[in-house]
């Protein structure tokens, strides 16, 4: 077990410092980051503990029951993305669950990519709520707490990739971290968090994440040009961000070159059918929501992912991709109205069998 000693000096932003020492070296066999691969082949598996808790049986492509992480590892996945919420109202996506899942991922020989929402629930371009525990703090106090929390995450989980916020198109931890209304506040928060990661986990890569490929992405990454980070993360879903893969490639090239960063498609997904397997409304269910060249079939899903992988590689700045909702099957049953909004985009079919699209993860 790692032994961390953490100290915090509270004062002005420039005097805040969190320092942690470990008695283990990075990359050790008992929980440190695994050796970095040149190309990230990722799958978000944040729902996995909740789904496994229902007794749902995932199967490999031969139809045999198998640990979903094993199936993904065998398919070629080298990185598992996991969301982390501060104090979730339910039992899922909190520190204890995420730490346990991260340990499984490391034991399987894959890298851990943490998506730290800095919220108690979903954070995205439409919602960036500050954790309730931090409500009412002033900017300096919020910065102090965010840095302490970050240091604790590093001590508890020690991820290979640390994503600061989720789809932070206009910042996070509103209102103090709203980039549009309080640019200085957002930059203080994100710089403080980045400094903690750099000091305590110098081998951990830092990602900042934007949803979409619109010109507003240029505005965002220009605003954070002075922030110390490694990877530009972009969400790309045809239903929301346009149906041109050429535009995806162009934006990746442009952003990577302009900011001298590697670029990752941090989230994407695609349907293997327009049907459904529970009574929860799906985010994609109509022909006009998909790219005509890639029909909503198992082969169409696979071909879309193969094409997107090619775009990432051909961009000249791309370092990988990550599938989102990988495991989000209709795990609550066929009549659940609170089940999955994307079971038709998972990488397991309605019988729980691994789909051909997993071929995209092969080296």
Protein backbone atom coordinates (compact mmCIF):
# COMPACT_ATOMS: atom_id res chain seq x y z
CA UNK A 1 0.00 0.00 0.00
CA UNK A 2 1.25 3.48 -0.77
CA UNK A 3 2.08 5.82 2.06
CA UNK A 4 1.48 9.48 1.23
CA UNK A 5 2.36 12.51 3.29
CA UNK A 6 0.44 15.60 2.18
CA UNK A 7 0.80 19.13 3.43
CA UNK A 8 -1.15 22.21 2.46
CA UNK A 9 -0.09 25.79 2.94
CA UNK A 10 -3.16 28.02 2.68
CA UNK A 11 -2.58 31.58 1.52
CA UNK A 12 -2.58 33.38 -1.76
CA UNK A 13 -2.92 31.22 -4.86
CA UNK A 14 0.80 31.38 -5.57
CA UNK A 15 1.65 30.14 -2.08
CA UNK A 16 -0.70 27.15 -2.11
CA UNK A 17 1.32 23.99 -2.43
CA UNK A 18 0.44 20.37 -1.95
CA UNK A 19 3.39 18.01 -1.76
CA UNK A 20 3.10 14.26 -1.59
CA UNK A 21 5.82 11.70 -1.33
CA UNK A 22 5.40 8.00 -2.04
CA UNK A 23 7.41 5.01 -0.97
CA UNK A 24 6.66 3.36 -4.32
CA UNK A 25 8.06 4.36 -7.69
CA UNK A 26 5.87 5.18 -10.64
CA UNK A 27 5.18 2.20 -12.83
CA UNK A 28 5.67 -0.34 -10.06
CA UNK A 29 3.76 -3.60 -10.18
CA UNK A 30 1.57 -2.82 -7.18
CA UNK A 31 -0.59 -0.05 -8.58
CA UNK A 32 1.50 2.55 -10.40
CA UNK A 33 0.67 3.59 -13.96
CA UNK A 34 1.48 0.96 -16.56
CA UNK A 35 3.94 1.74 -19.33
CA UNK A 36 2.58 4.28 -21.78
CA UNK A 37 1.45 3.02 -25.14
CA UNK A 38 1.87 5.22 -28.20
CA UNK A 39 -1.79 5.16 -29.20
CA UNK A 40 -4.65 5.26 -26.70
CA UNK A 41 -7.40 2.75 -27.40
CA UNK A 42 -9.88 3.57 -24.70
CA UNK A 43 -13.30 2.55 -23.43
CA UNK A 44 -15.35 4.38 -20.82
CA UNK A 45 -16.62 1.79 -18.33
CA UNK A 46 -18.02 4.04 -15.60
CA UNK A 47 -21.36 2.18 -15.39
CA UNK A 48 -19.69 -1.22 -14.94
CA UNK A 49 -19.97 -1.58 -11.13
CA UNK A 50 -23.63 -0.56 -11.20
CA UNK A 51 -24.44 -2.97 -14.02
CA UNK A 52 -22.50 -5.85 -12.49
CA UNK A 53 -24.41 -5.26 -9.26
CA UNK A 54 -27.62 -6.34 -11.00
CA UNK A 55 -26.12 -9.66 -12.03
CA UNK A 56 -26.04 -8.79 -15.73
CA UNK A 57 -23.87 -11.24 -17.68
CA UNK A 58 -21.55 -9.76 -20.31
CA UNK A 59 -20.37 -12.21 -22.97
CA UNK A 60 -17.43 -12.31 -25.33
CA UNK A 61 -17.83 -12.60 -29.10
CA UNK A 62 -18.15 -16.38 -28.76
CA UNK A 63 -21.20 -15.92 -26.55
CA UNK A 64 -19.43 -17.07 -23.38
CA UNK A 65 -19.91 -15.18 -20.10
CA UNK A 66 -16.79 -13.17 -19.38
CA UNK A 67 -15.63 -10.25 -17.24
CA UNK A 68 -16.24 -7.19 -19.42
CA UNK A 69 -12.78 -5.83 -18.65
CA UNK A 70 -11.22 -9.09 -19.82
CA UNK A 71 -13.20 -8.95 -23.05
CA UNK A 72 -12.00 -5.40 -23.70
CA UNK A 73 -8.40 -6.20 -22.81
CA UNK A 74 -8.44 -9.17 -25.17
CA UNK A 75 -9.91 -6.94 -27.89
CA UNK A 76 -6.96 -4.57 -27.58
CA UNK A 77 -8.18 -1.85 -25.21
CA UNK A 78 -5.26 -0.36 -23.32
CA UNK A 79 -7.02 2.42 -21.37
CA UNK A 80 -10.21 2.48 -19.31
CA UNK A 81 -11.92 5.82 -18.66
CA UNK A 82 -13.82 6.23 -15.38
CA UNK A 83 -15.85 9.21 -14.16
CA UNK A 84 -15.46 10.45 -10.59
CA UNK A 85 -18.02 12.53 -8.68
CA UNK A 86 -17.26 14.29 -5.41
CA UNK A 87 -20.19 13.27 -3.19
CA UNK A 88 -22.81 11.58 -5.40
CA UNK A 89 -26.32 11.23 -4.01
CA UNK A 90 -26.34 7.54 -4.90
CA UNK A 91 -23.71 4.90 -4.32
CA UNK A 92 -22.12 5.09 -7.76
CA UNK A 93 -19.17 7.03 -9.22
CA UNK A 94 -17.87 8.10 -5.81
CA UNK A 95 -14.32 7.63 -4.55
CA UNK A 96 -14.70 4.14 -3.06
CA UNK A 97 -16.31 2.63 -6.17
CA UNK A 98 -13.94 4.35 -8.58
CA UNK A 99 -10.87 3.36 -6.58
CA UNK A 100 -11.96 -0.29 -6.63
CA UNK A 101 -12.65 -0.22 -10.38
CA UNK A 102 -9.33 1.49 -11.06
CA UNK A 103 -7.55 -1.25 -9.13
CA UNK A 104 -9.21 -3.87 -11.33
CA UNK A 105 -8.16 -2.00 -14.44
CA UNK A 106 -4.55 -1.79 -13.30
CA UNK A 107 -4.53 -5.45 -12.33
CA UNK A 108 -5.68 -6.25 -15.87
CA UNK A 109 -2.70 -4.35 -17.25
CA UNK A 110 -4.57 -1.34 -18.62
CA UNK A 111 -4.16 2.36 -17.96
CA UNK A 112 -6.58 4.37 -15.84
CA UNK A 113 -8.01 7.59 -17.25
CA UNK A 114 -9.97 9.50 -14.62
CA UNK A 115 -12.63 11.97 -15.68
CA UNK A 116 -12.86 14.16 -12.59
CA UNK A 117 -16.09 16.15 -12.89
CA UNK A 118 -15.48 18.40 -9.87
CA UNK A 119 -19.18 18.02 -9.22
CA UNK A 120 -21.50 15.68 -7.34
CA UNK A 121 -23.23 14.65 -10.55
CA UNK A 122 -23.02 14.88 -14.35
CA UNK A 123 -20.97 17.82 -15.59
CA UNK A 124 -21.26 18.82 -19.25
CA UNK A 125 -21.73 22.01 -21.31
CA UNK A 126 -25.22 22.46 -19.87
CA UNK A 127 -24.43 21.76 -16.21
CA UNK A 128 -21.31 22.45 -14.18
CA UNK A 129 -22.51 22.51 -10.58
CA UNK A 130 -20.00 23.01 -7.79
CA UNK A 131 -20.03 20.17 -5.23
CA UNK A 132 -22.58 20.92 -2.53
CA UNK A 133 -19.88 20.58 0.13
CA UNK A 134 -18.12 23.61 -1.39
CA UNK A 135 -21.18 25.82 -1.87
CA UNK A 136 -20.70 29.33 -0.51
CA UNK A 137 -16.90 29.30 -0.59
CA UNK A 138 -15.07 32.26 -2.05
CA UNK A 139 -12.69 31.74 -4.95
CA UNK A 140 -9.61 31.25 -2.82
CA UNK A 141 -11.36 28.79 -0.55
CA UNK A 142 -12.74 26.89 -3.53
CA UNK A 143 -9.27 26.73 -5.06
CA UNK A 144 -7.85 25.39 -1.81
CA UNK A 145 -10.50 22.69 -1.59
CA UNK A 146 -10.17 21.68 -5.25
CA UNK A 147 -6.42 21.32 -4.82
CA UNK A 148 -6.76 19.26 -1.64
CA UNK A 149 -9.31 17.04 -3.36
CA UNK A 150 -7.01 16.62 -6.35
CA UNK A 151 -4.12 15.60 -4.08
CA UNK A 152 -6.36 13.03 -2.42
CA UNK A 153 -7.41 11.58 -5.77
CA UNK A 154 -3.78 11.18 -6.76
CA UNK A 155 -2.99 9.51 -3.45
CA UNK A 156 -5.97 7.16 -3.59
CA UNK A 157 -6.03 6.23 -7.29
CA UNK A 158 -2.82 7.43 -8.99
CA UNK A 159 -4.26 7.58 -12.54
CA UNK A 160 -2.29 7.58 -15.78
CA UNK A 161 -4.47 10.31 -17.28
CA UNK A 162 -6.18 12.99 -15.19
CA UNK A 163 -8.97 14.84 -16.98
CA UNK A 164 -9.67 18.18 -15.28
CA UNK A 165 -13.44 18.51 -15.57
CA UNK A 166 -15.82 17.03 -18.11
CA UNK A 167 -16.80 18.84 -21.32
CA UNK A 168 -15.72 22.15 -19.82
CA UNK A 169 -16.74 24.30 -22.81
CA UNK A 170 -17.31 27.33 -20.59
CA UNK A 171 -15.50 26.22 -17.48
CA UNK A 172 -16.61 24.26 -14.41
CA UNK A 173 -17.64 24.68 -10.77
CA UNK A 174 -20.12 27.45 -11.56
CA UNK A 175 -20.40 30.31 -10.84
CA UNK A 176 -16.81 30.94 -9.71
CA UNK A 177 -15.28 28.74 -12.41
CA UNK A 178 -17.46 29.96 -15.27
CA UNK A 179 -14.95 30.86 -17.99
CA UNK A 180 -17.38 33.14 -19.79
CA UNK A 181 -18.31 35.23 -16.74
CA UNK A 182 -15.23 34.82 -14.58
CA UNK A 183 -12.19 34.03 -16.68
CA UNK A 184 -9.73 34.75 -13.88
CA UNK A 185 -11.64 32.46 -11.55
CA UNK A 186 -11.63 29.54 -13.96
CA UNK A 187 -7.94 29.97 -14.72
CA UNK A 188 -7.06 30.13 -11.02
CA UNK A 189 -8.92 26.88 -10.40
CA UNK A 190 -7.56 24.95 -13.35
CA UNK A 191 -4.00 26.21 -12.82
CA UNK A 192 -4.14 25.23 -9.16
CA UNK A 193 -5.34 21.74 -10.00
CA UNK A 194 -2.74 21.34 -12.74
CA UNK A 195 0.05 22.42 -10.37
CA UNK A 196 -0.97 19.78 -7.83
CA UNK A 197 -0.91 17.06 -10.49
CA UNK A 198 2.47 18.14 -11.83
CA UNK A 199 4.06 18.21 -8.38
CA UNK A 200 2.55 15.03 -6.99
CA UNK A 201 2.30 12.88 -10.12
CA UNK A 202 4.74 14.13 -12.77
CA UNK A 203 4.19 11.06 -14.95
CA UNK A 204 0.42 11.52 -15.06
CA UNK A 205 -0.86 13.14 -18.24
CA UNK A 206 -3.26 16.06 -17.88
CA UNK A 207 -6.22 16.42 -20.23
CA UNK A 208 -8.64 19.29 -20.73
CA UNK A 209 -11.89 18.33 -22.40
CA UNK A 210 -14.17 20.18 -24.83
CA UNK A 211 -17.41 18.87 -26.35
CA UNK A 212 -17.59 19.29 -30.10
CA UNK A 213 -15.56 20.51 -33.06
CA UNK A 214 -17.17 23.92 -33.61
CA UNK A 215 -15.15 27.12 -33.98
CA UNK A 216 -15.91 27.87 -30.33
CA UNK A 217 -13.34 25.17 -29.53
CA UNK A 218 -10.72 27.60 -30.84
CA UNK A 219 -11.99 30.27 -28.42
CA UNK A 220 -11.80 27.84 -25.51
CA UNK A 221 -8.31 26.51 -26.15
CA UNK A 222 -7.01 30.01 -26.85
CA UNK A 223 -8.31 31.05 -23.42
CA UNK A 224 -6.39 28.26 -21.70
CA UNK A 225 -3.19 28.64 -23.71
CA UNK A 226 -1.24 29.44 -20.54
CA UNK A 227 -2.44 26.37 -18.63
CA UNK A 228 0.00 23.50 -18.11
CA UNK A 229 -1.60 20.39 -19.64
CA UNK A 230 -0.74 17.62 -22.11
CA UNK A 231 -3.78 16.48 -24.07
CA UNK A 232 -6.67 18.19 -25.80
CA UNK A 233 -9.75 15.99 -25.40
CA UNK A 234 -12.68 16.38 -27.79
CA UNK A 235 -16.12 14.79 -27.71
CA UNK A 236 -17.46 13.90 -31.13
CA UNK A 237 -20.96 12.52 -31.65
CA UNK A 238 -22.48 12.81 -35.14
CA UNK A 239 -25.93 13.46 -33.70
CA UNK A 240 -24.72 16.63 -31.98
CA UNK A 241 -21.50 17.68 -33.67
CA UNK A 242 -22.11 17.20 -37.39
CA UNK A 243 -21.69 14.29 -39.75
CA UNK A 244 -18.38 15.16 -41.40
CA UNK A 245 -15.38 13.09 -40.36
CA UNK A 246 -13.28 15.38 -42.56
CA UNK A 247 -14.21 18.25 -40.26
CA UNK A 248 -13.18 16.19 -37.25
CA UNK A 249 -9.77 15.57 -38.77
CA UNK A 250 -9.33 19.22 -39.73
CA UNK A 251 -10.18 20.42 -36.22
CA UNK A 252 -7.85 17.92 -34.60
CA UNK A 253 -5.01 19.00 -36.87
CA UNK A 254 -5.71 22.69 -36.35
CA UNK A 255 -5.98 22.57 -32.57
CA UNK A 256 -3.01 20.27 -32.11
CA UNK A 257 -0.75 22.38 -34.26
CA UNK A 258 -1.95 25.71 -32.85
CA UNK A 259 -1.36 24.65 -29.25
CA UNK A 260 1.43 22.09 -29.68
CA UNK A 261 -0.68 19.39 -28.02
CA UNK A 262 -1.68 15.82 -28.70
CA UNK A 263 -5.41 15.44 -29.36
CA UNK A 264 -7.72 12.62 -28.29
CA UNK A 265 -11.31 11.90 -29.27
CA UNK A 266 -12.28 11.58 -25.62
CA UNK A 267 -15.86 10.50 -26.28
CA UNK A 268 -17.69 9.00 -29.23
CA UNK A 269 -20.30 6.31 -29.88
CA UNK A 270 -22.46 5.00 -32.70
CA UNK A 271 -25.56 2.79 -32.96
CA UNK A 272 -25.55 -0.82 -34.12
CA UNK A 273 -29.35 -0.59 -34.43
CA UNK A 274 -32.05 2.06 -34.21
CA UNK A 275 -34.10 -0.31 -32.09
CA UNK A 276 -34.27 -0.37 -28.30
CA UNK A 277 -34.10 -2.89 -25.51
CA UNK A 278 -35.81 -1.04 -22.67
CA UNK A 279 -38.39 1.72 -22.29
CA UNK A 280 -35.84 4.45 -21.60
CA UNK A 281 -35.73 7.06 -24.37
CA UNK A 282 -32.57 6.72 -26.46
CA UNK A 283 -30.42 9.64 -27.58
CA UNK A 284 -30.11 8.20 -31.10
CA UNK A 285 -33.01 6.46 -32.76
CA UNK A 286 -33.65 7.97 -36.20
CA UNK A 287 -31.99 7.72 -39.60
CA UNK A 288 -31.37 11.47 -39.81
CA UNK A 289 -29.25 11.30 -36.66
CA UNK A 290 -26.56 9.08 -38.17
CA UNK A 291 -24.03 9.34 -41.01
CA UNK A 292 -25.58 7.82 -44.17
CA UNK A 293 -22.37 6.01 -45.09
CA UNK A 294 -22.52 4.09 -41.81
CA UNK A 295 -25.92 2.43 -41.30
CA UNK A 296 -27.11 1.49 -37.82
CA UNK A 297 -26.01 -2.13 -38.05
CA UNK A 298 -23.22 -4.04 -36.30
CA UNK A 299 -21.02 -3.63 -39.38
CA UNK A 300 -22.00 0.02 -39.74
CA UNK A 301 -21.00 0.68 -36.14
CA UNK A 302 -17.68 -1.07 -36.71
CA UNK A 303 -17.00 0.79 -39.95
CA UNK A 304 -17.75 4.13 -38.32
CA UNK A 305 -15.27 3.40 -35.56
CA UNK A 306 -12.63 2.20 -38.02
CA UNK A 307 -13.08 5.37 -40.05
CA UNK A 308 -12.82 7.56 -36.95
CA UNK A 309 -9.69 5.75 -35.82
CA UNK A 310 -8.23 6.49 -39.23
CA UNK A 311 -9.14 10.16 -38.87
CA UNK A 312 -7.34 10.33 -35.52
CA UNK A 313 -4.19 8.79 -36.96
CA UNK A 314 -4.28 10.86 -40.16
CA UNK A 315 -4.72 14.13 -38.28
CA UNK A 316 -1.03 14.22 -37.45
CA UNK A 317 -1.83 15.31 -33.89
CA UNK A 318 -4.07 12.48 -32.71
CA UNK A 319 -2.92 10.15 -29.97
CA UNK A 320 -6.04 8.05 -29.50
CA UNK A 321 -9.77 7.68 -28.99
CA UNK A 322 -12.22 6.51 -26.35
CA UNK A 323 -15.64 4.93 -26.76
CA UNK A 324 -18.35 6.21 -24.43
CA UNK A 325 -21.26 4.15 -23.08
CA UNK A 326 -19.30 1.03 -23.96
CA UNK A 327 -21.10 -1.07 -21.36
CA UNK A 328 -24.38 0.87 -21.03
CA UNK A 329 -26.69 -1.99 -21.91
CA UNK A 330 -30.36 -2.27 -20.87
CA UNK A 331 -29.32 -3.75 -17.54
CA UNK A 332 -32.52 -2.94 -15.66
CA UNK A 333 -34.74 -5.03 -17.88
CA UNK A 334 -36.88 -4.66 -20.98
CA UNK A 335 -39.52 -2.41 -19.37
CA UNK A 336 -37.24 -0.08 -17.40
CA UNK A 337 -37.89 3.62 -17.86
CA UNK A 338 -34.70 4.46 -15.94
CA UNK A 339 -32.37 2.11 -17.77
CA UNK A 340 -30.02 2.99 -20.62
CA UNK A 341 -30.37 5.88 -23.07
CA UNK A 342 -27.77 4.28 -25.30
CA UNK A 343 -28.15 0.49 -25.19
CA UNK A 344 -28.28 0.59 -29.00
CA UNK A 345 -24.83 2.21 -28.99
CA UNK A 346 -23.11 -0.10 -26.51
CA UNK A 347 -20.38 -2.48 -27.64
CA UNK A 348 -22.41 -5.47 -26.44
CA UNK A 349 -25.63 -6.36 -28.27
CA UNK A 350 -29.10 -6.90 -26.78
CA UNK A 351 -28.11 -10.47 -25.82
CA UNK A 352 -25.00 -9.26 -24.02
CA UNK A 353 -22.62 -10.50 -26.73
CA UNK A 354 -19.56 -8.47 -27.74
CA UNK A 355 -20.06 -6.69 -31.07
CA UNK A 356 -17.75 -6.58 -34.12
CA UNK A 357 -16.94 -2.91 -33.44
CA UNK A 358 -14.52 -4.09 -30.75
CA UNK A 359 -12.15 -4.87 -33.61
CA UNK A 360 -11.30 -1.16 -33.64
CA UNK A 361 -9.22 -1.69 -30.50
CA UNK A 362 -6.77 -4.09 -32.11
CA UNK A 363 -3.21 -2.82 -32.54
